[in-house]
Amino acid sequence: MSAEASGVPVLRNPFNNIPRLTTYIAGGLDVAYLLSLIPGSAQFLALVPENTFGKFYVWNLITSGYYQNSLISAIFSIVSVLLVGEYLEPVWGSREFLKFI
């Protein structure tokens, strides 16, 4: 007899239905937060006009969107991407969802 048939609730993994691109973006946010813990990393990851245009750190235009300087904002961003991506990526497709993010 299965657990469901016996009336015992079965716990399911809520992360089974999250699309691949969404998990990659959430993982990228994790890595970006861990990199932000390194002292002095803000000048290479955050959008600082002096560094971006003066020293030509053009990658700051992309990495600044993922740079989080507090644990609360990192958790909020990761959970938001997971919740939104679970529903939007299957409807829009990976390419359109990546444009949205």
N, C-alpha and C. Protein backbone atom coordinates (compact mmCIF):
# COMPACT_ATOMS: atom_id res chain seq x y z
N MET A 1 0.85 -1.17 0.00
CA MET A 1 0.00 0.00 0.00
C MET A 1 0.90 1.24 0.00
N SER A 2 0.58 2.20 -0.86
CA SER A 2 1.39 3.41 -0.94
C SER A 2 1.03 4.37 0.19
N ALA A 3 1.91 5.33 0.39
CA ALA A 3 1.70 6.30 1.48
C ALA A 3 0.47 7.17 1.21
N GLU A 4 0.23 7.51 -0.06
CA GLU A 4 -0.93 8.33 -0.39
C GLU A 4 -2.22 7.57 -0.16
N ALA A 5 -2.24 6.28 -0.48
CA ALA A 5 -3.44 5.48 -0.31
C ALA A 5 -3.78 5.27 1.16
N SER A 6 -2.76 5.27 2.01
CA SER A 6 -3.01 5.05 3.44
C SER A 6 -3.43 6.32 4.17
N GLY A 7 -3.47 7.45 3.47
CA GLY A 7 -3.90 8.69 4.09
C GLY A 7 -2.77 9.49 4.71
N VAL A 8 -1.54 9.00 4.61
CA VAL A 8 -0.39 9.72 5.15
C VAL A 8 0.06 10.74 4.10
N PRO A 9 0.15 12.02 4.47
CA PRO A 9 0.58 13.02 3.48
C PRO A 9 2.02 12.78 3.05
N VAL A 10 2.25 12.96 1.78
CA VAL A 10 3.57 12.77 1.21
C VAL A 10 4.17 14.13 0.93
N LEU A 11 5.35 14.37 1.45
CA LEU A 11 6.04 15.64 1.18
C LEU A 11 6.70 15.56 -0.19
N ARG A 12 6.44 16.55 -1.00
CA ARG A 12 7.03 16.59 -2.34
C ARG A 12 8.07 17.70 -2.38
N ASN A 13 9.04 17.52 -3.23
CA ASN A 13 10.08 18.53 -3.40
C ASN A 13 9.51 19.70 -4.21
N PRO A 14 9.44 20.90 -3.63
CA PRO A 14 8.85 22.03 -4.38
C PRO A 14 9.75 22.53 -5.50
N PHE A 15 10.99 22.08 -5.55
CA PHE A 15 11.92 22.55 -6.57
C PHE A 15 12.00 21.64 -7.79
N ASN A 16 11.14 20.65 -7.88
CA ASN A 16 11.16 19.75 -9.03
C ASN A 16 10.72 20.42 -10.31
N ASN A 17 9.83 21.40 -10.23
CA ASN A 17 9.25 22.00 -11.43
C ASN A 17 9.94 23.28 -11.87
N ILE A 18 11.04 23.64 -11.28
CA ILE A 18 11.72 24.88 -11.65
C ILE A 18 12.56 24.63 -12.91
N PRO A 19 12.35 25.44 -13.94
CA PRO A 19 13.09 25.25 -15.20
C PRO A 19 14.59 25.48 -15.04
N ARG A 20 15.32 24.97 -15.99
CA ARG A 20 16.78 24.98 -15.94
C ARG A 20 17.38 26.38 -15.92
N LEU A 21 16.93 27.27 -16.80
CA LEU A 21 17.50 28.62 -16.85
C LEU A 21 17.26 29.36 -15.54
N THR A 22 16.10 29.16 -14.95
CA THR A 22 15.79 29.80 -13.68
C THR A 22 16.74 29.34 -12.59
N THR A 23 17.06 28.05 -12.55
CA THR A 23 17.99 27.56 -11.54
C THR A 23 19.40 28.09 -11.80
N TYR A 24 19.77 28.24 -13.08
CA TYR A 24 21.09 28.81 -13.38
C TYR A 24 21.18 30.27 -12.94
N ILE A 25 20.12 31.02 -13.15
CA ILE A 25 20.12 32.43 -12.73
C ILE A 25 20.17 32.52 -11.22
N ALA A 26 19.40 31.68 -10.53
CA ALA A 26 19.44 31.67 -9.06
C ALA A 26 20.83 31.27 -8.56
N GLY A 27 21.46 30.31 -9.22
CA GLY A 27 22.82 29.93 -8.86
C GLY A 27 23.81 31.06 -9.11
N GLY A 28 23.61 31.79 -10.19
CA GLY A 28 24.46 32.95 -10.46
C GLY A 28 24.32 34.03 -9.40
N LEU A 29 23.11 34.21 -8.91
CA LEU A 29 22.90 35.16 -7.81
C LEU A 29 23.61 34.69 -6.54
N ASP A 30 23.59 33.38 -6.31
CA ASP A 30 24.33 32.83 -5.16
C ASP A 30 25.82 33.13 -5.28
N VAL A 31 26.37 32.85 -6.45
CA VAL A 31 27.80 33.07 -6.66
C VAL A 31 28.14 34.55 -6.55
N ALA A 32 27.28 35.41 -7.10
CA ALA A 32 27.54 36.85 -7.03
C ALA A 32 27.53 37.33 -5.59
N TYR A 33 26.61 36.80 -4.77
CA TYR A 33 26.61 37.21 -3.36
C TYR A 33 27.87 36.71 -2.65
N LEU A 34 28.28 35.50 -2.92
CA LEU A 34 29.51 34.98 -2.29
C LEU A 34 30.73 35.79 -2.72
N LEU A 35 30.75 36.23 -3.97
CA LEU A 35 31.86 37.08 -4.43
C LEU A 35 31.83 38.45 -3.76
N SER A 36 30.62 38.92 -3.43
CA SER A 36 30.52 40.23 -2.79
C SER A 36 31.06 40.20 -1.36
N LEU A 37 31.23 39.03 -0.80
CA LEU A 37 31.79 38.91 0.55
C LEU A 37 33.30 39.15 0.58
N ILE A 38 33.92 39.08 -0.58
CA ILE A 38 35.36 39.31 -0.68
C ILE A 38 35.62 40.81 -0.55
N PRO A 39 36.49 41.22 0.37
CA PRO A 39 36.76 42.66 0.53
C PRO A 39 37.31 43.27 -0.77
N GLY A 40 36.79 44.41 -1.14
CA GLY A 40 37.25 45.11 -2.34
C GLY A 40 36.59 44.64 -3.63
N SER A 41 35.65 43.72 -3.54
CA SER A 41 35.02 43.21 -4.76
C SER A 41 34.03 44.19 -5.36
N ALA A 42 33.57 45.16 -4.59
CA ALA A 42 32.57 46.10 -5.09
C ALA A 42 33.11 46.90 -6.27
N GLN A 43 34.37 47.23 -6.26
CA GLN A 43 34.90 48.02 -7.38
C GLN A 43 34.93 47.24 -8.68
N PHE A 44 34.92 45.90 -8.61
CA PHE A 44 34.93 45.08 -9.81
C PHE A 44 33.55 44.58 -10.22
N LEU A 45 32.59 44.54 -9.28
CA LEU A 45 31.27 44.00 -9.57
C LEU A 45 30.16 45.03 -9.59
N ALA A 46 30.23 46.03 -8.73
CA ALA A 46 29.16 47.02 -8.63
C ALA A 46 29.34 48.09 -9.70
N LEU A 47 28.27 48.82 -9.95
CA LEU A 47 28.30 49.86 -10.96
C LEU A 47 28.82 51.15 -10.33
N VAL A 48 30.12 51.37 -10.50
CA VAL A 48 30.78 52.59 -10.02
C VAL A 48 31.20 53.35 -11.27
N PRO A 49 30.61 54.52 -11.54
CA PRO A 49 30.89 55.22 -12.79
C PRO A 49 32.38 55.46 -13.06
N GLU A 50 33.12 55.78 -12.01
CA GLU A 50 34.55 56.03 -12.19
C GLU A 50 35.27 54.79 -12.73
N ASN A 51 34.89 53.63 -12.23
CA ASN A 51 35.53 52.39 -12.69
C ASN A 51 34.98 51.92 -14.02
N THR A 52 33.67 52.04 -14.20
CA THR A 52 33.04 51.54 -15.42
C THR A 52 33.50 52.32 -16.64
N PHE A 53 33.50 53.63 -16.55
CA PHE A 53 33.83 54.43 -17.72
C PHE A 53 35.27 54.94 -17.69
N GLY A 54 35.81 55.18 -16.50
CA GLY A 54 37.18 55.68 -16.39
C GLY A 54 38.22 54.59 -16.60
N LYS A 55 38.00 53.44 -15.99
CA LYS A 55 38.95 52.32 -16.09
C LYS A 55 38.47 51.25 -17.07
N PHE A 56 37.35 51.49 -17.72
CA PHE A 56 36.77 50.60 -18.72
C PHE A 56 36.45 49.21 -18.17
N TYR A 57 35.84 49.18 -16.99
CA TYR A 57 35.32 47.92 -16.44
C TYR A 57 33.90 47.74 -16.98
N VAL A 58 33.79 47.46 -18.27
CA VAL A 58 32.49 47.42 -18.93
C VAL A 58 31.62 46.26 -18.46
N TRP A 59 32.22 45.23 -17.88
CA TRP A 59 31.42 44.11 -17.37
C TRP A 59 30.56 44.53 -16.19
N ASN A 60 30.88 45.69 -15.59
CA ASN A 60 30.06 46.19 -14.49
C ASN A 60 28.62 46.46 -14.92
N LEU A 61 28.42 46.75 -16.18
CA LEU A 61 27.07 46.99 -16.68
C LEU A 61 26.21 45.73 -16.55
N ILE A 62 26.81 44.56 -16.59
CA ILE A 62 26.08 43.29 -16.45
C ILE A 62 26.11 42.81 -15.01
N THR A 63 27.28 42.82 -14.38
CA THR A 63 27.40 42.24 -13.05
C THR A 63 26.71 43.07 -11.98
N SER A 64 26.50 44.35 -12.23
CA SER A 64 25.86 45.19 -11.20
C SER A 64 24.43 44.77 -10.93
N GLY A 65 23.77 44.19 -11.89
CA GLY A 65 22.41 43.72 -11.69
C GLY A 65 22.32 42.51 -10.77
N TYR A 66 23.41 41.78 -10.65
CA TYR A 66 23.44 40.59 -9.82
C TYR A 66 24.19 40.80 -8.51
N TYR A 67 24.82 41.94 -8.35
CA TYR A 67 25.62 42.21 -7.16
C TYR A 67 24.70 42.58 -6.00
N GLN A 68 24.79 41.84 -4.92
CA GLN A 68 23.98 42.10 -3.72
C GLN A 68 24.95 42.32 -2.57
N ASN A 69 24.75 43.37 -1.82
CA ASN A 69 25.67 43.65 -0.72
C ASN A 69 25.11 43.30 0.65
N SER A 70 23.93 42.68 0.70
CA SER A 70 23.40 42.22 1.98
C SER A 70 22.73 40.87 1.79
N LEU A 71 22.73 40.10 2.84
CA LEU A 71 22.14 38.77 2.78
C LEU A 71 20.64 38.84 2.54
N ILE A 72 19.97 39.80 3.13
CA ILE A 72 18.52 39.93 2.95
C ILE A 72 18.17 40.21 1.49
N SER A 73 18.89 41.11 0.86
CA SER A 73 18.59 41.41 -0.55
C SER A 73 18.94 40.23 -1.45
N ALA A 74 19.99 39.48 -1.11
CA ALA A 74 20.34 38.30 -1.90
C ALA A 74 19.25 37.23 -1.79
N ILE A 75 18.76 36.99 -0.58
CA ILE A 75 17.71 35.99 -0.39
C ILE A 75 16.43 36.43 -1.11
N PHE A 76 16.08 37.70 -1.00
CA PHE A 76 14.89 38.21 -1.68
C PHE A 76 15.02 38.05 -3.19
N SER A 77 16.17 38.36 -3.75
CA SER A 77 16.38 38.24 -5.20
C SER A 77 16.30 36.79 -5.66
N ILE A 78 16.92 35.89 -4.92
CA ILE A 78 16.92 34.48 -5.30
C ILE A 78 15.52 33.89 -5.23
N VAL A 79 14.82 34.17 -4.15
CA VAL A 79 13.45 33.65 -4.02
C VAL A 79 12.54 34.25 -5.08
N SER A 80 12.71 35.52 -5.39
CA SER A 80 11.89 36.16 -6.42
C SER A 80 12.13 35.52 -7.79
N VAL A 81 13.39 35.29 -8.13
CA VAL A 81 13.69 34.67 -9.41
C VAL A 81 13.12 33.26 -9.48
N LEU A 82 13.23 32.51 -8.40
CA LEU A 82 12.69 31.15 -8.39
C LEU A 82 11.17 31.14 -8.52
N LEU A 83 10.50 32.03 -7.80
CA LEU A 83 9.03 32.05 -7.87
C LEU A 83 8.51 32.54 -9.21
N VAL A 84 9.11 33.60 -9.73
CA VAL A 84 8.67 34.14 -11.01
C VAL A 84 9.07 33.21 -12.16
N GLY A 85 10.28 32.71 -12.11
CA GLY A 85 10.78 31.85 -13.18
C GLY A 85 10.04 30.54 -13.31
N GLU A 86 9.54 30.03 -12.19
CA GLU A 86 8.81 28.77 -12.24
C GLU A 86 7.57 28.86 -13.12
N TYR A 87 6.95 30.04 -13.17
CA TYR A 87 5.73 30.21 -13.95
C TYR A 87 5.96 30.87 -15.31
N LEU A 88 6.90 31.82 -15.37
CA LEU A 88 7.07 32.57 -16.62
C LEU A 88 7.93 31.85 -17.65
N GLU A 89 8.97 31.17 -17.22
CA GLU A 89 9.85 30.53 -18.21
C GLU A 89 9.14 29.47 -19.04
N PRO A 90 8.30 28.60 -18.46
CA PRO A 90 7.59 27.65 -19.33
C PRO A 90 6.62 28.32 -20.30
N VAL A 91 6.05 29.45 -19.93
CA VAL A 91 5.10 30.13 -20.81
C VAL A 91 5.82 30.92 -21.89
N TRP A 92 6.83 31.68 -21.51
CA TRP A 92 7.53 32.55 -22.44
C TRP A 92 8.64 31.84 -23.21
N GLY A 93 9.23 30.85 -22.63
CA GLY A 93 10.41 30.23 -23.21
C GLY A 93 11.66 30.83 -22.58
N SER A 94 12.75 30.10 -22.69
CA SER A 94 14.00 30.52 -22.04
C SER A 94 14.55 31.82 -22.60
N ARG A 95 14.47 31.99 -23.91
CA ARG A 95 15.05 33.19 -24.53
C ARG A 95 14.33 34.46 -24.08
N GLU A 96 13.02 34.44 -24.11
CA GLU A 96 12.25 35.62 -23.68
C GLU A 96 12.39 35.87 -22.20
N PHE A 97 12.45 34.81 -21.41
CA PHE A 97 12.63 34.98 -19.97
C PHE A 97 13.99 35.60 -19.67
N LEU A 98 15.02 35.18 -20.39
CA LEU A 98 16.35 35.76 -20.19
C LEU A 98 16.36 37.24 -20.57
N LYS A 99 15.63 37.63 -21.59
CA LYS A 99 15.50 39.04 -21.94
C LYS A 99 14.81 39.81 -20.83
N PHE A 100 13.81 39.18 -20.22
CA PHE A 100 13.08 39.81 -19.13
C PHE A 100 13.96 40.04 -17.92
N ILE A 101 14.79 39.06 -17.59
CA ILE A 101 15.68 39.15 -16.43
C ILE A 101 16.79 40.11 -16.76
